[in-house]
N, C-alpha and C. Protein backbone atom coordinates (compact mmCIF):
# COMPACT_ATOMS: atom_id res chain seq x y z
N MET A 1 0.21 -10.76 18.00
CA MET A 1 0.20 -10.56 16.56
C MET A 1 -0.64 -11.66 15.90
N GLN A 2 -1.44 -11.26 14.92
CA GLN A 2 -2.24 -12.21 14.17
C GLN A 2 -1.41 -12.83 13.06
N GLN A 3 -1.98 -13.85 12.44
CA GLN A 3 -1.31 -14.50 11.33
C GLN A 3 -1.11 -13.52 10.18
N VAL A 4 -0.01 -13.63 9.48
CA VAL A 4 0.29 -12.77 8.34
C VAL A 4 -0.69 -13.09 7.22
N PRO A 5 -1.30 -12.05 6.64
CA PRO A 5 -2.18 -12.29 5.49
C PRO A 5 -1.36 -12.80 4.31
N THR A 6 -2.03 -13.46 3.39
CA THR A 6 -1.40 -13.95 2.17
C THR A 6 -1.70 -12.99 1.04
N LEU A 7 -0.65 -12.44 0.43
CA LEU A 7 -0.80 -11.54 -0.71
C LEU A 7 -1.08 -12.39 -1.94
N LEU A 8 -2.19 -12.12 -2.59
CA LEU A 8 -2.60 -12.90 -3.76
C LEU A 8 -2.12 -12.25 -5.04
N ARG A 9 -1.80 -13.06 -6.02
CA ARG A 9 -1.30 -12.57 -7.30
C ARG A 9 -2.45 -12.52 -8.30
N ARG A 10 -3.57 -12.00 -7.85
CA ARG A 10 -4.75 -11.86 -8.70
C ARG A 10 -5.42 -10.52 -8.40
N SER A 11 -6.34 -10.15 -9.27
CA SER A 11 -7.11 -8.93 -9.06
C SER A 11 -8.17 -9.15 -7.99
N PHE A 12 -8.69 -8.06 -7.47
CA PHE A 12 -9.82 -8.12 -6.58
C PHE A 12 -11.05 -8.59 -7.35
N THR A 13 -11.93 -9.36 -6.69
CA THR A 13 -13.25 -9.62 -7.25
C THR A 13 -14.10 -8.37 -7.03
N HIS A 14 -15.22 -8.27 -7.72
CA HIS A 14 -16.09 -7.11 -7.53
C HIS A 14 -16.63 -7.05 -6.10
N ASP A 15 -16.97 -8.19 -5.53
CA ASP A 15 -17.45 -8.21 -4.13
C ASP A 15 -16.36 -7.74 -3.17
N GLU A 16 -15.14 -8.22 -3.36
CA GLU A 16 -14.03 -7.79 -2.51
C GLU A 16 -13.80 -6.28 -2.66
N ALA A 17 -13.86 -5.80 -3.89
CA ALA A 17 -13.64 -4.37 -4.13
C ALA A 17 -14.70 -3.53 -3.43
N ARG A 18 -15.95 -3.95 -3.48
CA ARG A 18 -17.03 -3.22 -2.79
C ARG A 18 -16.77 -3.17 -1.29
N THR A 19 -16.33 -4.29 -0.74
CA THR A 19 -16.07 -4.36 0.70
C THR A 19 -14.91 -3.44 1.10
N VAL A 20 -13.82 -3.52 0.38
CA VAL A 20 -12.63 -2.74 0.73
C VAL A 20 -12.86 -1.25 0.48
N ALA A 21 -13.56 -0.91 -0.58
CA ALA A 21 -13.85 0.50 -0.86
C ALA A 21 -14.68 1.13 0.26
N ALA A 22 -15.42 0.32 0.98
CA ALA A 22 -16.26 0.82 2.08
C ALA A 22 -15.52 0.92 3.41
N TRP A 23 -14.28 0.44 3.48
CA TRP A 23 -13.52 0.58 4.73
C TRP A 23 -13.46 2.06 5.09
N ALA A 24 -13.71 2.35 6.36
CA ALA A 24 -13.70 3.75 6.82
C ALA A 24 -12.77 3.87 8.02
N TYR A 25 -11.71 4.64 7.83
CA TYR A 25 -10.74 4.88 8.89
C TYR A 25 -11.19 6.10 9.71
N PRO A 26 -10.95 6.08 11.02
CA PRO A 26 -11.31 7.24 11.85
C PRO A 26 -10.33 8.38 11.63
N PRO A 27 -10.77 9.62 11.90
CA PRO A 27 -9.85 10.75 11.80
C PRO A 27 -8.65 10.56 12.73
N PRO A 28 -7.49 10.99 12.37
CA PRO A 28 -7.12 11.68 11.13
C PRO A 28 -6.77 10.72 10.00
N PHE A 29 -6.92 9.43 10.24
CA PHE A 29 -6.56 8.43 9.23
C PHE A 29 -7.58 8.37 8.09
N ASP A 30 -8.69 9.10 8.22
CA ASP A 30 -9.71 9.12 7.18
C ASP A 30 -9.16 9.68 5.86
N LEU A 31 -8.00 10.28 5.90
CA LEU A 31 -7.36 10.73 4.67
C LEU A 31 -7.09 9.53 3.74
N TYR A 32 -7.02 8.32 4.30
CA TYR A 32 -6.79 7.12 3.50
C TYR A 32 -8.08 6.49 2.98
N ASN A 33 -9.24 7.04 3.34
CA ASN A 33 -10.51 6.52 2.83
C ASN A 33 -10.61 6.79 1.33
N VAL A 34 -11.32 5.91 0.63
CA VAL A 34 -11.57 6.10 -0.80
C VAL A 34 -13.07 6.28 -1.00
N ASP A 35 -13.43 6.71 -2.16
CA ASP A 35 -14.84 6.83 -2.52
C ASP A 35 -15.43 5.43 -2.57
N PRO A 36 -16.40 5.12 -1.69
CA PRO A 36 -16.93 3.74 -1.65
C PRO A 36 -17.64 3.30 -2.92
N THR A 37 -17.96 4.24 -3.80
CA THR A 37 -18.59 3.86 -5.08
C THR A 37 -17.56 3.57 -6.16
N ASN A 38 -16.29 3.84 -5.89
CA ASN A 38 -15.24 3.66 -6.89
C ASN A 38 -14.58 2.29 -6.76
N THR A 39 -15.34 1.25 -6.98
CA THR A 39 -14.79 -0.11 -6.87
C THR A 39 -13.82 -0.42 -8.00
N ASN A 40 -13.93 0.30 -9.12
CA ASN A 40 -13.01 0.10 -10.23
C ASN A 40 -11.56 0.38 -9.82
N LEU A 41 -11.39 1.25 -8.83
CA LEU A 41 -10.05 1.53 -8.32
C LEU A 41 -9.33 0.23 -7.95
N PHE A 42 -10.06 -0.70 -7.33
CA PHE A 42 -9.45 -1.95 -6.86
C PHE A 42 -9.42 -3.05 -7.92
N THR A 43 -10.34 -3.02 -8.87
CA THR A 43 -10.41 -4.11 -9.85
C THR A 43 -9.61 -3.83 -11.12
N HIS A 44 -9.29 -2.56 -11.39
CA HIS A 44 -8.54 -2.22 -12.60
C HIS A 44 -7.07 -2.63 -12.43
N ARG A 45 -6.52 -3.21 -13.47
CA ARG A 45 -5.11 -3.59 -13.48
C ARG A 45 -4.51 -3.10 -14.79
N ASP A 46 -3.41 -2.36 -14.72
CA ASP A 46 -2.71 -1.93 -15.93
C ASP A 46 -2.04 -3.13 -16.57
N PRO A 47 -1.80 -3.07 -17.89
CA PRO A 47 -1.14 -4.19 -18.57
C PRO A 47 0.20 -4.59 -17.96
N ASP A 48 0.92 -3.62 -17.35
CA ASP A 48 2.22 -3.94 -16.75
C ASP A 48 2.10 -4.57 -15.37
N GLY A 49 0.87 -4.71 -14.85
CA GLY A 49 0.68 -5.30 -13.53
C GLY A 49 0.41 -4.29 -12.44
N SER A 50 0.54 -2.99 -12.75
CA SER A 50 0.26 -1.96 -11.76
C SER A 50 -1.20 -2.03 -11.33
N GLY A 51 -1.43 -1.79 -10.06
CA GLY A 51 -2.78 -1.80 -9.54
C GLY A 51 -2.81 -2.43 -8.15
N TYR A 52 -4.00 -2.82 -7.73
CA TYR A 52 -4.23 -3.33 -6.38
C TYR A 52 -4.22 -4.86 -6.35
N TYR A 53 -3.67 -5.40 -5.26
CA TYR A 53 -3.61 -6.83 -5.02
C TYR A 53 -4.17 -7.12 -3.63
N PRO A 54 -5.11 -8.06 -3.54
CA PRO A 54 -5.70 -8.36 -2.22
C PRO A 54 -4.80 -9.26 -1.38
N ALA A 55 -4.95 -9.13 -0.07
CA ALA A 55 -4.27 -10.02 0.89
C ALA A 55 -5.36 -10.57 1.81
N THR A 56 -5.38 -11.88 1.97
CA THR A 56 -6.46 -12.53 2.70
C THR A 56 -5.97 -13.25 3.94
N ASN A 57 -6.92 -13.51 4.83
CA ASN A 57 -6.63 -14.37 5.98
C ASN A 57 -6.92 -15.82 5.58
N ASP A 58 -6.85 -16.73 6.54
CA ASP A 58 -7.02 -18.16 6.24
C ASP A 58 -8.36 -18.52 5.63
N ASP A 59 -9.42 -17.76 5.98
CA ASP A 59 -10.74 -18.10 5.43
C ASP A 59 -11.03 -17.40 4.11
N GLY A 60 -10.04 -16.69 3.56
CA GLY A 60 -10.19 -16.05 2.26
C GLY A 60 -10.76 -14.65 2.30
N THR A 61 -10.95 -14.10 3.49
CA THR A 61 -11.46 -12.74 3.61
C THR A 61 -10.33 -11.74 3.38
N VAL A 62 -10.58 -10.74 2.56
CA VAL A 62 -9.59 -9.70 2.31
C VAL A 62 -9.49 -8.83 3.56
N ILE A 63 -8.27 -8.79 4.13
CA ILE A 63 -8.04 -7.98 5.33
C ILE A 63 -6.94 -6.93 5.11
N ALA A 64 -6.35 -6.95 3.92
CA ALA A 64 -5.30 -6.00 3.59
C ALA A 64 -5.13 -5.99 2.08
N PHE A 65 -4.31 -5.07 1.61
CA PHE A 65 -4.00 -5.02 0.18
C PHE A 65 -2.68 -4.29 -0.01
N CYS A 66 -2.13 -4.43 -1.21
CA CYS A 66 -1.02 -3.59 -1.62
C CYS A 66 -1.37 -3.01 -2.98
N VAL A 67 -0.71 -1.94 -3.32
CA VAL A 67 -0.91 -1.30 -4.61
C VAL A 67 0.46 -0.91 -5.15
N PHE A 68 0.63 -1.17 -6.45
CA PHE A 68 1.87 -0.85 -7.14
C PHE A 68 1.61 0.17 -8.23
N GLY A 69 2.60 1.01 -8.50
CA GLY A 69 2.55 1.89 -9.65
C GLY A 69 1.89 3.23 -9.40
N PRO A 70 1.34 3.83 -10.45
CA PRO A 70 0.79 5.18 -10.35
C PRO A 70 -0.28 5.34 -9.27
N GLU A 71 -1.09 4.34 -9.04
CA GLU A 71 -2.12 4.44 -8.00
C GLU A 71 -1.52 4.52 -6.60
N ALA A 72 -0.29 4.07 -6.44
CA ALA A 72 0.38 4.14 -5.14
C ALA A 72 1.09 5.48 -4.94
N ARG A 73 1.25 6.21 -6.01
CA ARG A 73 1.97 7.47 -5.94
C ARG A 73 1.08 8.55 -5.34
N VAL A 74 1.61 9.28 -4.39
CA VAL A 74 0.87 10.35 -3.73
C VAL A 74 1.06 11.64 -4.53
N HIS A 75 -0.04 12.39 -4.66
CA HIS A 75 0.03 13.68 -5.36
C HIS A 75 1.17 14.50 -4.76
N GLY A 76 2.07 14.95 -5.61
CA GLY A 76 3.25 15.67 -5.16
C GLY A 76 4.52 14.90 -5.44
N GLN A 77 4.39 13.61 -5.77
CA GLN A 77 5.55 12.79 -6.14
C GLN A 77 5.61 12.67 -7.66
N GLN A 78 6.80 12.53 -8.19
CA GLN A 78 6.99 12.36 -9.62
C GLN A 78 7.52 10.95 -9.90
N PRO A 79 7.14 10.34 -11.03
CA PRO A 79 7.69 9.04 -11.38
C PRO A 79 9.21 9.12 -11.53
N GLN A 80 9.89 8.02 -11.21
CA GLN A 80 11.34 7.95 -11.37
C GLN A 80 11.70 6.60 -11.98
N ALA A 81 12.63 6.60 -12.90
CA ALA A 81 13.06 5.36 -13.55
C ALA A 81 13.64 4.41 -12.51
N GLY A 82 13.25 3.15 -12.58
CA GLY A 82 13.78 2.12 -11.69
C GLY A 82 13.18 2.13 -10.30
N VAL A 83 12.25 3.06 -10.05
CA VAL A 83 11.62 3.18 -8.73
C VAL A 83 10.15 2.80 -8.86
N LEU A 84 9.71 1.89 -8.01
CA LEU A 84 8.32 1.44 -8.02
C LEU A 84 7.61 1.99 -6.78
N ASP A 85 6.53 2.74 -7.03
CA ASP A 85 5.71 3.23 -5.92
C ASP A 85 4.84 2.11 -5.40
N VAL A 86 4.74 2.04 -4.07
CA VAL A 86 3.99 0.97 -3.43
C VAL A 86 3.23 1.53 -2.23
N GLY A 87 2.08 0.96 -1.98
CA GLY A 87 1.30 1.33 -0.80
C GLY A 87 0.66 0.09 -0.20
N LEU A 88 0.32 0.18 1.07
CA LEU A 88 -0.35 -0.90 1.78
C LEU A 88 -1.58 -0.35 2.47
N GLY A 89 -2.57 -1.20 2.63
CA GLY A 89 -3.74 -0.86 3.41
C GLY A 89 -4.16 -2.06 4.23
N VAL A 90 -4.61 -1.82 5.45
CA VAL A 90 -5.08 -2.88 6.34
C VAL A 90 -6.48 -2.49 6.81
N HIS A 91 -7.34 -3.48 6.95
CA HIS A 91 -8.70 -3.22 7.44
C HIS A 91 -8.63 -2.32 8.68
N PRO A 92 -9.48 -1.28 8.75
CA PRO A 92 -9.40 -0.32 9.86
C PRO A 92 -9.47 -0.96 11.25
N ASP A 93 -10.20 -2.05 11.40
CA ASP A 93 -10.31 -2.70 12.70
C ASP A 93 -9.11 -3.58 13.04
N LEU A 94 -8.20 -3.75 12.09
CA LEU A 94 -7.07 -4.66 12.29
C LEU A 94 -5.72 -3.96 12.27
N THR A 95 -5.70 -2.63 12.26
CA THR A 95 -4.42 -1.92 12.25
C THR A 95 -3.72 -2.09 13.59
N SER A 96 -2.42 -1.90 13.57
CA SER A 96 -1.56 -1.97 14.76
C SER A 96 -1.51 -3.36 15.38
N ARG A 97 -1.68 -4.39 14.55
CA ARG A 97 -1.60 -5.77 15.03
C ARG A 97 -0.49 -6.56 14.35
N GLY A 98 0.35 -5.88 13.61
CA GLY A 98 1.48 -6.55 12.97
C GLY A 98 1.19 -7.15 11.62
N LEU A 99 -0.02 -6.96 11.08
CA LEU A 99 -0.36 -7.56 9.79
C LEU A 99 0.47 -6.97 8.66
N ALA A 100 0.62 -5.67 8.63
CA ALA A 100 1.37 -5.03 7.54
C ALA A 100 2.85 -5.40 7.60
N SER A 101 3.39 -5.55 8.83
CA SER A 101 4.80 -5.94 8.96
C SER A 101 5.07 -7.25 8.23
N GLY A 102 4.16 -8.17 8.37
CA GLY A 102 4.33 -9.47 7.72
C GLY A 102 4.12 -9.44 6.23
N LEU A 103 3.48 -8.40 5.73
CA LEU A 103 3.23 -8.31 4.29
C LEU A 103 4.41 -7.76 3.50
N PHE A 104 5.27 -7.00 4.15
CA PHE A 104 6.33 -6.31 3.41
C PHE A 104 7.20 -7.26 2.59
N GLU A 105 7.58 -8.39 3.14
CA GLU A 105 8.42 -9.31 2.36
C GLU A 105 7.68 -9.84 1.14
N GLN A 106 6.39 -10.15 1.30
CA GLN A 106 5.60 -10.62 0.16
C GLN A 106 5.48 -9.54 -0.91
N VAL A 107 5.32 -8.30 -0.47
CA VAL A 107 5.22 -7.18 -1.40
C VAL A 107 6.53 -7.03 -2.18
N ALA A 108 7.66 -7.12 -1.50
CA ALA A 108 8.96 -7.01 -2.16
C ALA A 108 9.16 -8.14 -3.16
N VAL A 109 8.77 -9.35 -2.80
CA VAL A 109 8.91 -10.49 -3.72
C VAL A 109 8.07 -10.27 -4.98
N LEU A 110 6.81 -9.88 -4.79
CA LEU A 110 5.94 -9.65 -5.95
C LEU A 110 6.44 -8.48 -6.79
N ALA A 111 6.93 -7.45 -6.16
CA ALA A 111 7.48 -6.30 -6.90
C ALA A 111 8.65 -6.74 -7.78
N ARG A 112 9.54 -7.55 -7.22
CA ARG A 112 10.69 -8.04 -8.01
C ARG A 112 10.22 -8.89 -9.19
N GLU A 113 9.25 -9.78 -8.94
CA GLU A 113 8.75 -10.67 -10.00
C GLU A 113 8.10 -9.90 -11.15
N LEU A 114 7.29 -8.91 -10.81
CA LEU A 114 6.50 -8.22 -11.82
C LEU A 114 7.20 -7.04 -12.47
N PHE A 115 7.97 -6.29 -11.69
CA PHE A 115 8.45 -5.00 -12.16
C PHE A 115 9.97 -4.85 -12.24
N HIS A 116 10.71 -5.66 -11.52
CA HIS A 116 12.18 -5.61 -11.50
C HIS A 116 12.72 -4.22 -11.16
N PRO A 117 12.17 -3.55 -10.13
CA PRO A 117 12.67 -2.22 -9.78
C PRO A 117 13.98 -2.30 -8.99
N HIS A 118 14.70 -1.20 -8.97
CA HIS A 118 15.89 -1.08 -8.14
C HIS A 118 15.53 -0.64 -6.73
N GLN A 119 14.38 0.06 -6.66
CA GLN A 119 13.97 0.65 -5.39
C GLN A 119 12.45 0.65 -5.28
N LEU A 120 11.97 0.48 -4.05
CA LEU A 120 10.56 0.71 -3.74
C LEU A 120 10.46 2.09 -3.10
N ARG A 121 9.34 2.75 -3.36
CA ARG A 121 9.12 4.07 -2.77
C ARG A 121 7.70 4.13 -2.24
N THR A 122 7.54 4.75 -1.09
CA THR A 122 6.23 4.96 -0.52
C THR A 122 6.16 6.37 0.05
N ALA A 123 4.96 6.80 0.36
CA ALA A 123 4.76 8.10 0.99
C ALA A 123 3.73 7.93 2.09
N VAL A 124 4.02 8.51 3.25
CA VAL A 124 3.18 8.37 4.43
C VAL A 124 2.94 9.76 5.01
N ALA A 125 1.69 10.02 5.40
CA ALA A 125 1.39 11.29 6.07
C ALA A 125 2.27 11.38 7.32
N THR A 126 2.86 12.53 7.57
CA THR A 126 3.83 12.65 8.66
C THR A 126 3.20 12.44 10.04
N PHE A 127 1.90 12.61 10.18
CA PHE A 127 1.26 12.35 11.47
C PHE A 127 1.13 10.86 11.76
N ASN A 128 1.29 10.02 10.72
CA ASN A 128 1.04 8.59 10.85
C ASN A 128 2.29 7.89 11.39
N ASP A 129 2.54 8.10 12.67
CA ASP A 129 3.74 7.55 13.30
C ASP A 129 3.84 6.04 13.17
N ARG A 130 2.73 5.33 13.34
CA ARG A 130 2.79 3.86 13.31
C ARG A 130 3.23 3.36 11.93
N SER A 131 2.76 4.01 10.85
CA SER A 131 3.20 3.59 9.51
C SER A 131 4.64 3.99 9.23
N LEU A 132 5.05 5.14 9.74
CA LEU A 132 6.45 5.55 9.55
C LEU A 132 7.40 4.59 10.25
N VAL A 133 7.05 4.16 11.46
CA VAL A 133 7.87 3.18 12.19
C VAL A 133 7.89 1.86 11.43
N LEU A 134 6.74 1.43 10.96
CA LEU A 134 6.62 0.19 10.19
C LEU A 134 7.52 0.22 8.96
N CYS A 135 7.50 1.33 8.24
CA CYS A 135 8.33 1.45 7.03
C CYS A 135 9.81 1.38 7.38
N ARG A 136 10.20 2.07 8.42
CA ARG A 136 11.62 2.04 8.81
C ARG A 136 12.05 0.64 9.20
N LYS A 137 11.20 -0.08 9.94
CA LYS A 137 11.53 -1.46 10.32
C LYS A 137 11.65 -2.37 9.10
N ALA A 138 10.94 -2.02 8.03
CA ALA A 138 10.98 -2.82 6.80
C ALA A 138 12.15 -2.43 5.90
N GLY A 139 12.96 -1.47 6.34
CA GLY A 139 14.14 -1.10 5.57
C GLY A 139 14.01 0.17 4.74
N PHE A 140 12.88 0.86 4.84
CA PHE A 140 12.71 2.11 4.12
C PHE A 140 13.42 3.23 4.88
N ILE A 141 14.02 4.14 4.12
CA ILE A 141 14.68 5.29 4.75
C ILE A 141 14.00 6.57 4.25
N PRO A 142 13.87 7.56 5.14
CA PRO A 142 13.26 8.83 4.74
C PRO A 142 14.13 9.55 3.72
N VAL A 143 13.49 10.13 2.72
CA VAL A 143 14.20 10.85 1.66
C VAL A 143 13.87 12.34 1.72
N GLN A 144 12.58 12.63 1.80
CA GLN A 144 12.16 14.03 1.81
C GLN A 144 10.74 14.14 2.33
N ASP A 145 10.40 15.33 2.80
CA ASP A 145 9.03 15.67 3.13
C ASP A 145 8.50 16.54 2.00
N PHE A 146 7.20 16.41 1.72
CA PHE A 146 6.59 17.22 0.67
C PHE A 146 5.13 17.45 1.02
N THR A 147 4.52 18.38 0.34
CA THR A 147 3.11 18.69 0.56
C THR A 147 2.28 17.79 -0.33
N GLY A 148 1.39 17.03 0.30
CA GLY A 148 0.55 16.09 -0.42
C GLY A 148 -0.90 16.52 -0.43
N PRO A 149 -1.80 15.56 -0.60
CA PRO A 149 -3.23 15.87 -0.67
C PRO A 149 -3.71 16.63 0.56
N GLY A 150 -4.61 17.58 0.33
CA GLY A 150 -5.15 18.37 1.42
C GLY A 150 -4.12 19.29 2.06
N ASP A 151 -3.04 19.57 1.32
CA ASP A 151 -1.94 20.40 1.84
C ASP A 151 -1.34 19.83 3.12
N ARG A 152 -1.42 18.52 3.28
CA ARG A 152 -0.83 17.86 4.45
C ARG A 152 0.60 17.45 4.15
N PRO A 153 1.46 17.47 5.17
CA PRO A 153 2.84 17.03 4.95
C PRO A 153 2.93 15.50 4.86
N PHE A 154 3.68 15.05 3.89
CA PHE A 154 3.94 13.63 3.69
C PHE A 154 5.44 13.41 3.72
N ARG A 155 5.84 12.20 4.06
CA ARG A 155 7.24 11.81 4.05
C ARG A 155 7.43 10.72 2.99
N GLU A 156 8.37 10.96 2.10
CA GLU A 156 8.73 9.97 1.10
C GLU A 156 9.84 9.09 1.67
N LEU A 157 9.70 7.78 1.49
CA LEU A 157 10.69 6.83 1.97
C LEU A 157 11.01 5.85 0.84
N THR A 158 12.25 5.39 0.78
CA THR A 158 12.64 4.43 -0.24
C THR A 158 13.35 3.24 0.39
N CYS A 159 13.33 2.15 -0.35
CA CYS A 159 13.99 0.91 0.09
C CYS A 159 14.68 0.30 -1.13
N ASP A 160 16.01 0.15 -1.04
CA ASP A 160 16.75 -0.47 -2.12
C ASP A 160 16.46 -1.98 -2.14
N LEU A 161 16.34 -2.53 -3.34
CA LEU A 161 16.09 -3.95 -3.50
C LEU A 161 17.33 -4.62 -4.06
N ALA A 162 17.76 -5.68 -3.42
CA ALA A 162 18.87 -6.47 -3.97
C ALA A 162 18.32 -7.24 -5.17
N GLN A 163 19.01 -7.14 -6.26
CA GLN A 163 18.53 -7.80 -7.49
C GLN A 163 19.10 -9.17 -7.65
């Protein structure tokens, strides 16, 4: 396992956003790819703090990120009071190395500081076994399956937060 990335409490720089927007996952994980020209996706921050947060390694290179709020919500999910949608991304060349496992506690801490939710919620494509296992190890429990983008099945998972 590599060193846990550090989740930063700042927005992405434009250079970081260009780099991360260009990350390309191989099929079938390419469903997580974004439009590489849409760098605003990573640099925009809502007034309440919703948006993307970079996570860096020791030399300051962005190797992962988290996203809070509407941008983390998968098409097919509805907002819920007291529930914060969250997502994680890891550089395609660094997946399955334990980096995301180490980020979950930092994500929960930042979520509590900024949003004070009762619960975190995420959605994972049902074929993505490694992310489903990761979520369960982090304390998320499956709630329901639903049809998401591209008519693919997704699994919604939630994690209660001690306040």
